[in-house]
Amino acid sequence: VAEWRATAALPSAGIEPIEVPLLPLTDNH
């Protein structure tokens, strides 16, 4: 994988997407 991006949101509670900081451990993890 060249780049990872992820967000988490809870629309039912009005919580907008929060970025999940990701750190590559291996090429695919």
mmCIF file of all heavy atoms, coordinates in Angstrom:
data_MODEL
# 
_entry.id   MODEL 
# 
loop_
_atom_site.group_PDB 
_atom_site.id 
_atom_site.type_symbol 
_atom_site.label_atom_id 
_atom_site.label_alt_id 
_atom_site.label_comp_id 
_atom_site.label_asym_id 
_atom_site.label_entity_id 
_atom_site.label_seq_id 
_atom_site.pdbx_PDB_ins_code 
_atom_site.Cartn_x 
_atom_site.Cartn_y 
_atom_site.Cartn_z 
_atom_site.occupancy 
_atom_site.B_iso_or_equiv 
_atom_site.pdbx_formal_charge 
_atom_site.auth_seq_id 
_atom_site.auth_comp_id 
_atom_site.auth_asym_id 
_atom_site.auth_atom_id 
_atom_site.pdbx_PDB_model_num 
ATOM 1   N N   . VAL A 1 1  ? 0.844   -1.193 0.000  1.00 0.00 ? 1  VAL A N   1 
ATOM 2   C CA  . VAL A 1 1  ? 0.000   0.000  0.000  1.00 0.00 ? 1  VAL A CA  1 
ATOM 3   C C   . VAL A 1 1  ? 0.879   1.242  0.000  1.00 0.00 ? 1  VAL A C   1 
ATOM 4   O O   . VAL A 1 1  ? 1.819   1.347  0.793  1.00 0.00 ? 1  VAL A O   1 
ATOM 5   C CB  . VAL A 1 1  ? -0.934  0.002  1.228  1.00 0.00 ? 1  VAL A CB  1 
ATOM 6   C CG1 . VAL A 1 1  ? -1.700  1.319  1.328  1.00 0.00 ? 1  VAL A CG1 1 
ATOM 7   C CG2 . VAL A 1 1  ? -1.902  -1.169 1.141  1.00 0.00 ? 1  VAL A CG2 1 
ATOM 8   N N   . ALA A 1 2  ? 0.568   2.200  -0.884 1.00 0.00 ? 2  ALA A N   1 
ATOM 9   C CA  . ALA A 1 2  ? 1.339   3.446  -0.961 1.00 0.00 ? 2  ALA A CA  1 
ATOM 10  C C   . ALA A 1 2  ? 0.868   4.463  0.067  1.00 0.00 ? 2  ALA A C   1 
ATOM 11  O O   . ALA A 1 2  ? 1.664   5.231  0.604  1.00 0.00 ? 2  ALA A O   1 
ATOM 12  C CB  . ALA A 1 2  ? 1.233   4.037  -2.372 1.00 0.00 ? 2  ALA A CB  1 
ATOM 13  N N   . GLU A 1 3  ? -0.439  4.493  0.347  1.00 0.00 ? 3  GLU A N   1 
ATOM 14  C CA  . GLU A 1 3  ? -0.971  5.482  1.297  1.00 0.00 ? 3  GLU A CA  1 
ATOM 15  C C   . GLU A 1 3  ? -2.235  4.947  1.949  1.00 0.00 ? 3  GLU A C   1 
ATOM 16  O O   . GLU A 1 3  ? -3.078  4.343  1.295  1.00 0.00 ? 3  GLU A O   1 
ATOM 17  C CB  . GLU A 1 3  ? -1.273  6.796  0.587  1.00 0.00 ? 3  GLU A CB  1 
ATOM 18  C CG  . GLU A 1 3  ? -1.777  7.898  1.526  1.00 0.00 ? 3  GLU A CG  1 
ATOM 19  C CD  . GLU A 1 3  ? -2.146  9.171  0.789  1.00 0.00 ? 3  GLU A CD  1 
ATOM 20  O OE1 . GLU A 1 3  ? -2.233  9.140  -0.445 1.00 0.00 ? 3  GLU A OE1 1 
ATOM 21  O OE2 . GLU A 1 3  ? -2.361  10.198 1.464  1.00 0.00 ? 3  GLU A OE2 1 
ATOM 22  N N   . TRP A 1 4  ? -2.347  5.195  3.279  1.00 0.00 ? 4  TRP A N   1 
ATOM 23  C CA  . TRP A 1 4  ? -3.532  4.817  4.046  1.00 0.00 ? 4  TRP A CA  1 
ATOM 24  C C   . TRP A 1 4  ? -4.224  6.080  4.548  1.00 0.00 ? 4  TRP A C   1 
ATOM 25  O O   . TRP A 1 4  ? -3.565  7.016  4.998  1.00 0.00 ? 4  TRP A O   1 
ATOM 26  C CB  . TRP A 1 4  ? -3.156  3.980  5.270  1.00 0.00 ? 4  TRP A CB  1 
ATOM 27  C CG  . TRP A 1 4  ? -2.375  2.730  5.026  1.00 0.00 ? 4  TRP A CG  1 
ATOM 28  C CD1 . TRP A 1 4  ? -1.023  2.619  4.884  1.00 0.00 ? 4  TRP A CD1 1 
ATOM 29  C CD2 . TRP A 1 4  ? -2.887  1.399  4.932  1.00 0.00 ? 4  TRP A CD2 1 
ATOM 30  N NE1 . TRP A 1 4  ? -0.657  1.311  4.708  1.00 0.00 ? 4  TRP A NE1 1 
ATOM 31  C CE2 . TRP A 1 4  ? -1.786  0.531  4.735  1.00 0.00 ? 4  TRP A CE2 1 
ATOM 32  C CE3 . TRP A 1 4  ? -4.160  0.846  5.006  1.00 0.00 ? 4  TRP A CE3 1 
ATOM 33  C CZ2 . TRP A 1 4  ? -1.920  -0.841 4.612  1.00 0.00 ? 4  TRP A CZ2 1 
ATOM 34  C CZ3 . TRP A 1 4  ? -4.309  -0.522 4.882  1.00 0.00 ? 4  TRP A CZ3 1 
ATOM 35  C CH2 . TRP A 1 4  ? -3.204  -1.360 4.690  1.00 0.00 ? 4  TRP A CH2 1 
ATOM 36  N N   . ARG A 1 5  ? -5.563  6.091  4.520  1.00 0.00 ? 5  ARG A N   1 
ATOM 37  C CA  . ARG A 1 5  ? -6.337  7.165  5.145  1.00 0.00 ? 5  ARG A CA  1 
ATOM 38  C C   . ARG A 1 5  ? -7.598  6.550  5.741  1.00 0.00 ? 5  ARG A C   1 
ATOM 39  O O   . ARG A 1 5  ? -8.196  5.652  5.142  1.00 0.00 ? 5  ARG A O   1 
ATOM 40  C CB  . ARG A 1 5  ? -6.731  8.262  4.147  1.00 0.00 ? 5  ARG A CB  1 
ATOM 41  C CG  . ARG A 1 5  ? -5.561  9.031  3.569  1.00 0.00 ? 5  ARG A CG  1 
ATOM 42  C CD  . ARG A 1 5  ? -6.022  10.333 2.901  1.00 0.00 ? 5  ARG A CD  1 
ATOM 43  N NE  . ARG A 1 5  ? -7.052  10.111 1.898  1.00 0.00 ? 5  ARG A NE  1 
ATOM 44  C CZ  . ARG A 1 5  ? -6.810  9.804  0.628  1.00 0.00 ? 5  ARG A CZ  1 
ATOM 45  N NH1 . ARG A 1 5  ? -5.558  9.650  0.222  1.00 0.00 ? 5  ARG A NH1 1 
ATOM 46  N NH2 . ARG A 1 5  ? -7.797  9.634  -0.236 1.00 0.00 ? 5  ARG A NH2 1 
ATOM 47  N N   . ALA A 1 6  ? -7.993  7.051  6.918  1.00 0.00 ? 6  ALA A N   1 
ATOM 48  C CA  . ALA A 1 6  ? -9.198  6.513  7.558  1.00 0.00 ? 6  ALA A CA  1 
ATOM 49  C C   . ALA A 1 6  ? -9.849  7.589  8.410  1.00 0.00 ? 6  ALA A C   1 
ATOM 50  O O   . ALA A 1 6  ? -9.171  8.446  8.989  1.00 0.00 ? 6  ALA A O   1 
ATOM 51  C CB  . ALA A 1 6  ? -8.864  5.291  8.409  1.00 0.00 ? 6  ALA A CB  1 
ATOM 52  N N   . THR A 1 7  ? -11.181 7.550  8.482  1.00 0.00 ? 7  THR A N   1 
ATOM 53  C CA  . THR A 1 7  ? -11.944 8.438  9.361  1.00 0.00 ? 7  THR A CA  1 
ATOM 54  C C   . THR A 1 7  ? -13.010 7.616  10.073 1.00 0.00 ? 7  THR A C   1 
ATOM 55  O O   . THR A 1 7  ? -13.430 6.558  9.603  1.00 0.00 ? 7  THR A O   1 
ATOM 56  C CB  . THR A 1 7  ? -12.628 9.575  8.577  1.00 0.00 ? 7  THR A CB  1 
ATOM 57  O OG1 . THR A 1 7  ? -13.539 9.015  7.628  1.00 0.00 ? 7  THR A OG1 1 
ATOM 58  C CG2 . THR A 1 7  ? -11.609 10.451 7.870  1.00 0.00 ? 7  THR A CG2 1 
ATOM 59  N N   . ALA A 1 8  ? -13.463 8.135  11.225 1.00 0.00 ? 8  ALA A N   1 
ATOM 60  C CA  . ALA A 1 8  ? -14.537 7.505  11.987 1.00 0.00 ? 8  ALA A CA  1 
ATOM 61  C C   . ALA A 1 8  ? -15.568 8.577  12.318 1.00 0.00 ? 8  ALA A C   1 
ATOM 62  O O   . ALA A 1 8  ? -15.206 9.690  12.726 1.00 0.00 ? 8  ALA A O   1 
ATOM 63  C CB  . ALA A 1 8  ? -13.999 6.863  13.258 1.00 0.00 ? 8  ALA A CB  1 
ATOM 64  N N   . ALA A 1 9  ? -16.849 8.270  12.135 1.00 0.00 ? 9  ALA A N   1 
ATOM 65  C CA  . ALA A 1 9  ? -17.911 9.234  12.398 1.00 0.00 ? 9  ALA A CA  1 
ATOM 66  C C   . ALA A 1 9  ? -19.090 8.524  13.049 1.00 0.00 ? 9  ALA A C   1 
ATOM 67  O O   . ALA A 1 9  ? -19.292 7.312  12.867 1.00 0.00 ? 9  ALA A O   1 
ATOM 68  C CB  . ALA A 1 9  ? -18.356 9.907  11.101 1.00 0.00 ? 9  ALA A CB  1 
ATOM 69  N N   . LEU A 1 10 ? -19.870 9.285  13.808 1.00 0.00 ? 10 LEU A N   1 
ATOM 70  C CA  . LEU A 1 10 ? -21.086 8.769  14.421 1.00 0.00 ? 10 LEU A CA  1 
ATOM 71  C C   . LEU A 1 10 ? -22.229 9.717  14.061 1.00 0.00 ? 10 LEU A C   1 
ATOM 72  O O   . LEU A 1 10 ? -22.586 10.609 14.829 1.00 0.00 ? 10 LEU A O   1 
ATOM 73  C CB  . LEU A 1 10 ? -20.931 8.660  15.947 1.00 0.00 ? 10 LEU A CB  1 
ATOM 74  C CG  . LEU A 1 10 ? -22.081 8.008  16.712 1.00 0.00 ? 10 LEU A CG  1 
ATOM 75  C CD1 . LEU A 1 10 ? -22.325 6.586  16.232 1.00 0.00 ? 10 LEU A CD1 1 
ATOM 76  C CD2 . LEU A 1 10 ? -21.811 8.020  18.210 1.00 0.00 ? 10 LEU A CD2 1 
ATOM 77  N N   . PRO A 1 11 ? -22.811 9.558  12.863 1.00 0.00 ? 11 PRO A N   1 
ATOM 78  C CA  . PRO A 1 11 ? -23.857 10.488 12.406 1.00 0.00 ? 11 PRO A CA  1 
ATOM 79  C C   . PRO A 1 11 ? -25.047 10.578 13.349 1.00 0.00 ? 11 PRO A C   1 
ATOM 80  O O   . PRO A 1 11 ? -25.642 11.644 13.506 1.00 0.00 ? 11 PRO A O   1 
ATOM 81  C CB  . PRO A 1 11 ? -24.264 9.904  11.047 1.00 0.00 ? 11 PRO A CB  1 
ATOM 82  C CG  . PRO A 1 11 ? -23.082 9.087  10.614 1.00 0.00 ? 11 PRO A CG  1 
ATOM 83  C CD  . PRO A 1 11 ? -22.495 8.534  11.858 1.00 0.00 ? 11 PRO A CD  1 
ATOM 84  N N   . SER A 1 12 ? -25.398 9.495  14.003 1.00 0.00 ? 12 SER A N   1 
ATOM 85  C CA  . SER A 1 12 ? -26.564 9.502  14.884 1.00 0.00 ? 12 SER A CA  1 
ATOM 86  C C   . SER A 1 12 ? -26.396 10.432 16.071 1.00 0.00 ? 12 SER A C   1 
ATOM 87  O O   . SER A 1 12 ? -27.378 10.887 16.671 1.00 0.00 ? 12 SER A O   1 
ATOM 88  C CB  . SER A 1 12 ? -26.864 8.086  15.375 1.00 0.00 ? 12 SER A CB  1 
ATOM 89  O OG  . SER A 1 12 ? -25.772 7.594  16.149 1.00 0.00 ? 12 SER A OG  1 
ATOM 90  N N   . ALA A 1 13 ? -25.137 10.710 16.449 1.00 0.00 ? 13 ALA A N   1 
ATOM 91  C CA  . ALA A 1 13 ? -24.864 11.622 17.567 1.00 0.00 ? 13 ALA A CA  1 
ATOM 92  C C   . ALA A 1 13 ? -24.340 12.968 17.081 1.00 0.00 ? 13 ALA A C   1 
ATOM 93  O O   . ALA A 1 13 ? -23.891 13.781 17.893 1.00 0.00 ? 13 ALA A O   1 
ATOM 94  C CB  . ALA A 1 13 ? -23.870 10.981 18.538 1.00 0.00 ? 13 ALA A CB  1 
ATOM 95  N N   . GLY A 1 14 ? -24.356 13.184 15.767 1.00 0.00 ? 14 GLY A N   1 
ATOM 96  C CA  . GLY A 1 14 ? -23.883 14.452 15.230 1.00 0.00 ? 14 GLY A CA  1 
ATOM 97  C C   . GLY A 1 14 ? -22.375 14.611 15.268 1.00 0.00 ? 14 GLY A C   1 
ATOM 98  O O   . GLY A 1 14 ? -21.860 15.730 15.179 1.00 0.00 ? 14 GLY A O   1 
ATOM 99  N N   . ILE A 1 15 ? -21.651 13.512 15.399 1.00 0.00 ? 15 ILE A N   1 
ATOM 100 C CA  . ILE A 1 15 ? -20.181 13.581 15.449 1.00 0.00 ? 15 ILE A CA  1 
ATOM 101 C C   . ILE A 1 15 ? -19.640 13.411 14.039 1.00 0.00 ? 15 ILE A C   1 
ATOM 102 O O   . ILE A 1 15 ? -19.801 12.359 13.412 1.00 0.00 ? 15 ILE A O   1 
ATOM 103 C CB  . ILE A 1 15 ? -19.610 12.501 16.396 1.00 0.00 ? 15 ILE A CB  1 
ATOM 104 C CG1 . ILE A 1 15 ? -20.133 12.732 17.822 1.00 0.00 ? 15 ILE A CG1 1 
ATOM 105 C CG2 . ILE A 1 15 ? -18.086 12.541 16.388 1.00 0.00 ? 15 ILE A CG2 1 
ATOM 106 C CD1 . ILE A 1 15 ? -19.681 11.681 18.806 1.00 0.00 ? 15 ILE A CD1 1 
ATOM 107 N N   . GLU A 1 16 ? -19.013 14.458 13.542 1.00 0.00 ? 16 GLU A N   1 
ATOM 108 C CA  . GLU A 1 16 ? -18.483 14.475 12.187 1.00 0.00 ? 16 GLU A CA  1 
ATOM 109 C C   . GLU A 1 16 ? -17.251 13.573 12.085 1.00 0.00 ? 16 GLU A C   1 
ATOM 110 O O   . GLU A 1 16 ? -16.675 13.174 13.104 1.00 0.00 ? 16 GLU A O   1 
ATOM 111 C CB  . GLU A 1 16 ? -18.129 15.900 11.777 1.00 0.00 ? 16 GLU A CB  1 
ATOM 112 C CG  . GLU A 1 16 ? -19.326 16.833 11.726 1.00 0.00 ? 16 GLU A CG  1 
ATOM 113 C CD  . GLU A 1 16 ? -20.323 16.435 10.659 1.00 0.00 ? 16 GLU A CD  1 
ATOM 114 O OE1 . GLU A 1 16 ? -19.879 16.164 9.523  1.00 0.00 ? 16 GLU A OE1 1 
ATOM 115 O OE2 . GLU A 1 16 ? -21.524 16.368 10.968 1.00 0.00 ? 16 GLU A OE2 1 
ATOM 116 N N   . PRO A 1 17 ? -16.822 13.247 10.857 1.00 0.00 ? 17 PRO A N   1 
ATOM 117 C CA  . PRO A 1 17 ? -15.667 12.346 10.699 1.00 0.00 ? 17 PRO A CA  1 
ATOM 118 C C   . PRO A 1 17 ? -14.422 12.836 11.432 1.00 0.00 ? 17 PRO A C   1 
ATOM 119 O O   . PRO A 1 17 ? -14.052 14.006 11.339 1.00 0.00 ? 17 PRO A O   1 
ATOM 120 C CB  . PRO A 1 17 ? -15.446 12.332 9.181  1.00 0.00 ? 17 PRO A CB  1 
ATOM 121 C CG  . PRO A 1 17 ? -16.785 12.628 8.607  1.00 0.00 ? 17 PRO A CG  1 
ATOM 122 C CD  . PRO A 1 17 ? -17.428 13.589 9.557  1.00 0.00 ? 17 PRO A CD  1 
ATOM 123 N N   . ILE A 1 18 ? -13.822 11.931 12.179 1.00 0.00 ? 18 ILE A N   1 
ATOM 124 C CA  . ILE A 1 18 ? -12.577 12.183 12.908 1.00 0.00 ? 18 ILE A CA  1 
ATOM 125 C C   . ILE A 1 18 ? -11.470 11.383 12.231 1.00 0.00 ? 18 ILE A C   1 
ATOM 126 O O   . ILE A 1 18 ? -11.627 10.183 12.001 1.00 0.00 ? 18 ILE A O   1 
ATOM 127 C CB  . ILE A 1 18 ? -12.695 11.756 14.383 1.00 0.00 ? 18 ILE A CB  1 
ATOM 128 C CG1 . ILE A 1 18 ? -13.838 12.511 15.067 1.00 0.00 ? 18 ILE A CG1 1 
ATOM 129 C CG2 . ILE A 1 18 ? -11.382 11.993 15.125 1.00 0.00 ? 18 ILE A CG2 1 
ATOM 130 C CD1 . ILE A 1 18 ? -14.151 11.988 16.460 1.00 0.00 ? 18 ILE A CD1 1 
ATOM 131 N N   . GLU A 1 19 ? -10.373 12.024 11.917 1.00 0.00 ? 19 GLU A N   1 
ATOM 132 C CA  . GLU A 1 19 ? -9.285  11.324 11.237 1.00 0.00 ? 19 GLU A CA  1 
ATOM 133 C C   . GLU A 1 19 ? -8.607  10.337 12.179 1.00 0.00 ? 19 GLU A C   1 
ATOM 134 O O   . GLU A 1 19 ? -8.350  10.650 13.344 1.00 0.00 ? 19 GLU A O   1 
ATOM 135 C CB  . GLU A 1 19 ? -8.259  12.308 10.702 1.00 0.00 ? 19 GLU A CB  1 
ATOM 136 C CG  . GLU A 1 19 ? -7.135  11.607 9.940  1.00 0.00 ? 19 GLU A CG  1 
ATOM 137 C CD  . GLU A 1 19 ? -6.180  12.591 9.312  1.00 0.00 ? 19 GLU A CD  1 
ATOM 138 O OE1 . GLU A 1 19 ? -6.343  13.792 9.527  1.00 0.00 ? 19 GLU A OE1 1 
ATOM 139 O OE2 . GLU A 1 19 ? -5.272  12.123 8.619  1.00 0.00 ? 19 GLU A OE2 1 
ATOM 140 N N   . VAL A 1 20 ? -8.341  9.153  11.672 1.00 0.00 ? 20 VAL A N   1 
ATOM 141 C CA  . VAL A 1 20 ? -7.615  8.129  12.420 1.00 0.00 ? 20 VAL A CA  1 
ATOM 142 C C   . VAL A 1 20 ? -6.157  8.180  11.976 1.00 0.00 ? 20 VAL A C   1 
ATOM 143 O O   . VAL A 1 20 ? -5.848  7.852  10.825 1.00 0.00 ? 20 VAL A O   1 
ATOM 144 C CB  . VAL A 1 20 ? -8.183  6.718  12.152 1.00 0.00 ? 20 VAL A CB  1 
ATOM 145 C CG1 . VAL A 1 20 ? -7.438  5.680  12.993 1.00 0.00 ? 20 VAL A CG1 1 
ATOM 146 C CG2 . VAL A 1 20 ? -9.676  6.669  12.434 1.00 0.00 ? 20 VAL A CG2 1 
ATOM 147 N N   . PRO A 1 21 ? -5.227  8.629  12.840 1.00 0.00 ? 21 PRO A N   1 
ATOM 148 C CA  . PRO A 1 21 ? -3.811  8.643  12.440 1.00 0.00 ? 21 PRO A CA  1 
ATOM 149 C C   . PRO A 1 21 ? -3.297  7.217  12.249 1.00 0.00 ? 21 PRO A C   1 
ATOM 150 O O   . PRO A 1 21 ? -3.406  6.403  13.151 1.00 0.00 ? 21 PRO A O   1 
ATOM 151 C CB  . PRO A 1 21 ? -3.099  9.331  13.615 1.00 0.00 ? 21 PRO A CB  1 
ATOM 152 C CG  . PRO A 1 21 ? -4.146  9.732  14.571 1.00 0.00 ? 21 PRO A CG  1 
ATOM 153 C CD  . PRO A 1 21 ? -5.428  9.075  14.196 1.00 0.00 ? 21 PRO A CD  1 
ATOM 154 N N   . LEU A 1 22 ? -2.758  6.930  11.081 1.00 0.00 ? 22 LEU A N   1 
ATOM 155 C CA  . LEU A 1 22 ? -2.296  5.583  10.763 1.00 0.00 ? 22 LEU A CA  1 
ATOM 156 C C   . LEU A 1 22 ? -0.792  5.575  10.544 1.00 0.00 ? 22 LEU A C   1 
ATOM 157 O O   . LEU A 1 22 ? -0.244  6.485  9.930  1.00 0.00 ? 22 LEU A O   1 
ATOM 158 C CB  . LEU A 1 22 ? -3.002  5.060  9.506  1.00 0.00 ? 22 LEU A CB  1 
ATOM 159 C CG  . LEU A 1 22 ? -4.517  4.846  9.617  1.00 0.00 ? 22 LEU A CG  1 
ATOM 160 C CD1 . LEU A 1 22 ? -5.101  4.479  8.271  1.00 0.00 ? 22 LEU A CD1 1 
ATOM 161 C CD2 . LEU A 1 22 ? -4.838  3.770  10.654 1.00 0.00 ? 22 LEU A CD2 1 
ATOM 162 N N   . LEU A 1 23 ? -0.149  4.542  11.046 1.00 0.00 ? 23 LEU A N   1 
ATOM 163 C CA  . LEU A 1 23 ? 1.292   4.364  10.874 1.00 0.00 ? 23 LEU A CA  1 
ATOM 164 C C   . LEU A 1 23 ? 1.540   3.022  10.210 1.00 0.00 ? 23 LEU A C   1 
ATOM 165 O O   . LEU A 1 23 ? 1.173   1.978  10.762 1.00 0.00 ? 23 LEU A O   1 
ATOM 166 C CB  . LEU A 1 23 ? 2.009   4.417  12.219 1.00 0.00 ? 23 LEU A CB  1 
ATOM 167 C CG  . LEU A 1 23 ? 3.532   4.277  12.186 1.00 0.00 ? 23 LEU A CG  1 
ATOM 168 C CD1 . LEU A 1 23 ? 4.156   5.485  11.504 1.00 0.00 ? 23 LEU A CD1 1 
ATOM 169 C CD2 . LEU A 1 23 ? 4.083   4.130  13.586 1.00 0.00 ? 23 LEU A CD2 1 
ATOM 170 N N   . PRO A 1 24 ? 2.141   2.987  8.992  1.00 0.00 ? 24 PRO A N   1 
ATOM 171 C CA  . PRO A 1 24 ? 2.422   1.707  8.335  1.00 0.00 ? 24 PRO A CA  1 
ATOM 172 C C   . PRO A 1 24 ? 3.430   0.890  9.142  1.00 0.00 ? 24 PRO A C   1 
ATOM 173 O O   . PRO A 1 24 ? 4.461   1.416  9.571  1.00 0.00 ? 24 PRO A O   1 
ATOM 174 C CB  . PRO A 1 24 ? 3.008   2.126  6.979  1.00 0.00 ? 24 PRO A CB  1 
ATOM 175 C CG  . PRO A 1 24 ? 2.580   3.547  6.784  1.00 0.00 ? 24 PRO A CG  1 
ATOM 176 C CD  . PRO A 1 24 ? 2.509   4.134  8.155  1.00 0.00 ? 24 PRO A CD  1 
ATOM 177 N N   . LEU A 1 25 ? 3.124   -0.377 9.365  1.00 0.00 ? 25 LEU A N   1 
ATOM 178 C CA  . LEU A 1 25 ? 4.053   -1.271 10.046 1.00 0.00 ? 25 LEU A CA  1 
ATOM 179 C C   . LEU A 1 25 ? 4.798   -2.138 9.047  1.00 0.00 ? 25 LEU A C   1 
ATOM 180 O O   . LEU A 1 25 ? 6.003   -2.333 9.160  1.00 0.00 ? 25 LEU A O   1 
ATOM 181 C CB  . LEU A 1 25 ? 3.304   -2.152 11.051 1.00 0.00 ? 25 LEU A CB  1 
ATOM 182 C CG  . LEU A 1 25 ? 4.158   -3.067 11.910 1.00 0.00 ? 25 LEU A CG  1 
ATOM 183 C CD1 . LEU A 1 25 ? 5.142   -2.263 12.742 1.00 0.00 ? 25 LEU A CD1 1 
ATOM 184 C CD2 . LEU A 1 25 ? 3.301   -3.922 12.813 1.00 0.00 ? 25 LEU A CD2 1 
ATOM 185 N N   . THR A 1 26 ? 4.069   -2.647 8.042  1.00 0.00 ? 26 THR A N   1 
ATOM 186 C CA  . THR A 1 26 ? 4.683   -3.356 6.922  1.00 0.00 ? 26 THR A CA  1 
ATOM 187 C C   . THR A 1 26 ? 4.048   -2.815 5.647  1.00 0.00 ? 26 THR A C   1 
ATOM 188 O O   . THR A 1 26 ? 3.234   -1.898 5.688  1.00 0.00 ? 26 THR A O   1 
ATOM 189 C CB  . THR A 1 26 ? 4.455   -4.877 7.030  1.00 0.00 ? 26 THR A CB  1 
ATOM 190 O OG1 . THR A 1 26 ? 3.060   -5.152 6.903  1.00 0.00 ? 26 THR A OG1 1 
ATOM 191 C CG2 . THR A 1 26 ? 4.969   -5.421 8.353  1.00 0.00 ? 26 THR A CG2 1 
ATOM 192 N N   . ASP A 1 27 ? 4.414   -3.390 4.500  1.00 0.00 ? 27 ASP A N   1 
ATOM 193 C CA  . ASP A 1 27 ? 3.856   -2.922 3.231  1.00 0.00 ? 27 ASP A CA  1 
ATOM 194 C C   . ASP A 1 27 ? 2.337   -3.011 3.191  1.00 0.00 ? 27 ASP A C   1 
ATOM 195 O O   . ASP A 1 27 ? 1.670   -2.183 2.557  1.00 0.00 ? 27 ASP A O   1 
ATOM 196 C CB  . ASP A 1 27 ? 4.433   -3.734 2.062  1.00 0.00 ? 27 ASP A CB  1 
ATOM 197 C CG  . ASP A 1 27 ? 5.860   -3.307 1.736  1.00 0.00 ? 27 ASP A CG  1 
ATOM 198 O OD1 . ASP A 1 27 ? 6.269   -2.231 2.196  1.00 0.00 ? 27 ASP A OD1 1 
ATOM 199 O OD2 . ASP A 1 27 ? 6.544   -4.058 1.026  1.00 0.00 ? 27 ASP A OD2 1 
ATOM 200 N N   . ASN A 1 28 ? 1.769   -4.017 3.852  1.00 0.00 ? 28 ASN A N   1 
ATOM 201 C CA  . ASN A 1 28 ? 0.315   -4.217 3.754  1.00 0.00 ? 28 ASN A CA  1 
ATOM 202 C C   . ASN A 1 28 ? -0.403  -4.074 5.093  1.00 0.00 ? 28 ASN A C   1 
ATOM 203 O O   . ASN A 1 28 ? -1.571  -4.399 5.206  1.00 0.00 ? 28 ASN A O   1 
ATOM 204 C CB  . ASN A 1 28 ? 0.005   -5.604 3.178  1.00 0.00 ? 28 ASN A CB  1 
ATOM 205 C CG  . ASN A 1 28 ? 0.111   -6.705 4.230  1.00 0.00 ? 28 ASN A CG  1 
ATOM 206 O OD1 . ASN A 1 28 ? 1.100   -6.760 4.967  1.00 0.00 ? 28 ASN A OD1 1 
ATOM 207 N ND2 . ASN A 1 28 ? -0.888  -7.575 4.303  1.00 0.00 ? 28 ASN A ND2 1 
ATOM 208 N N   . HIS A 1 29 ? 0.285   -3.576 6.114  1.00 0.00 ? 29 HIS A N   1 
ATOM 209 C CA  . HIS A 1 29 ? -0.283  -3.520 7.462  1.00 0.00 ? 29 HIS A CA  1 
ATOM 210 C C   . HIS A 1 29 ? -0.075  -2.130 8.049  1.00 0.00 ? 29 HIS A C   1 
ATOM 211 O O   . HIS A 1 29 ? 1.039   -1.619 8.106  1.00 0.00 ? 29 HIS A O   1 
ATOM 212 C CB  . HIS A 1 29 ? 0.405   -4.580 8.339  1.00 0.00 ? 29 HIS A CB  1 
ATOM 213 C CG  . HIS A 1 29 ? -0.072  -4.590 9.763  1.00 0.00 ? 29 HIS A CG  1 
ATOM 214 N ND1 . HIS A 1 29 ? 0.636   -5.209 10.769 1.00 0.00 ? 29 HIS A ND1 1 
ATOM 215 C CD2 . HIS A 1 29 ? -1.168  -4.054 10.354 1.00 0.00 ? 29 HIS A CD2 1 
ATOM 216 C CE1 . HIS A 1 29 ? 0.002   -5.057 11.904 1.00 0.00 ? 29 HIS A CE1 1 
ATOM 217 N NE2 . HIS A 1 29 ? -1.105  -4.353 11.678 1.00 0.00 ? 29 HIS A NE2 1 
# 
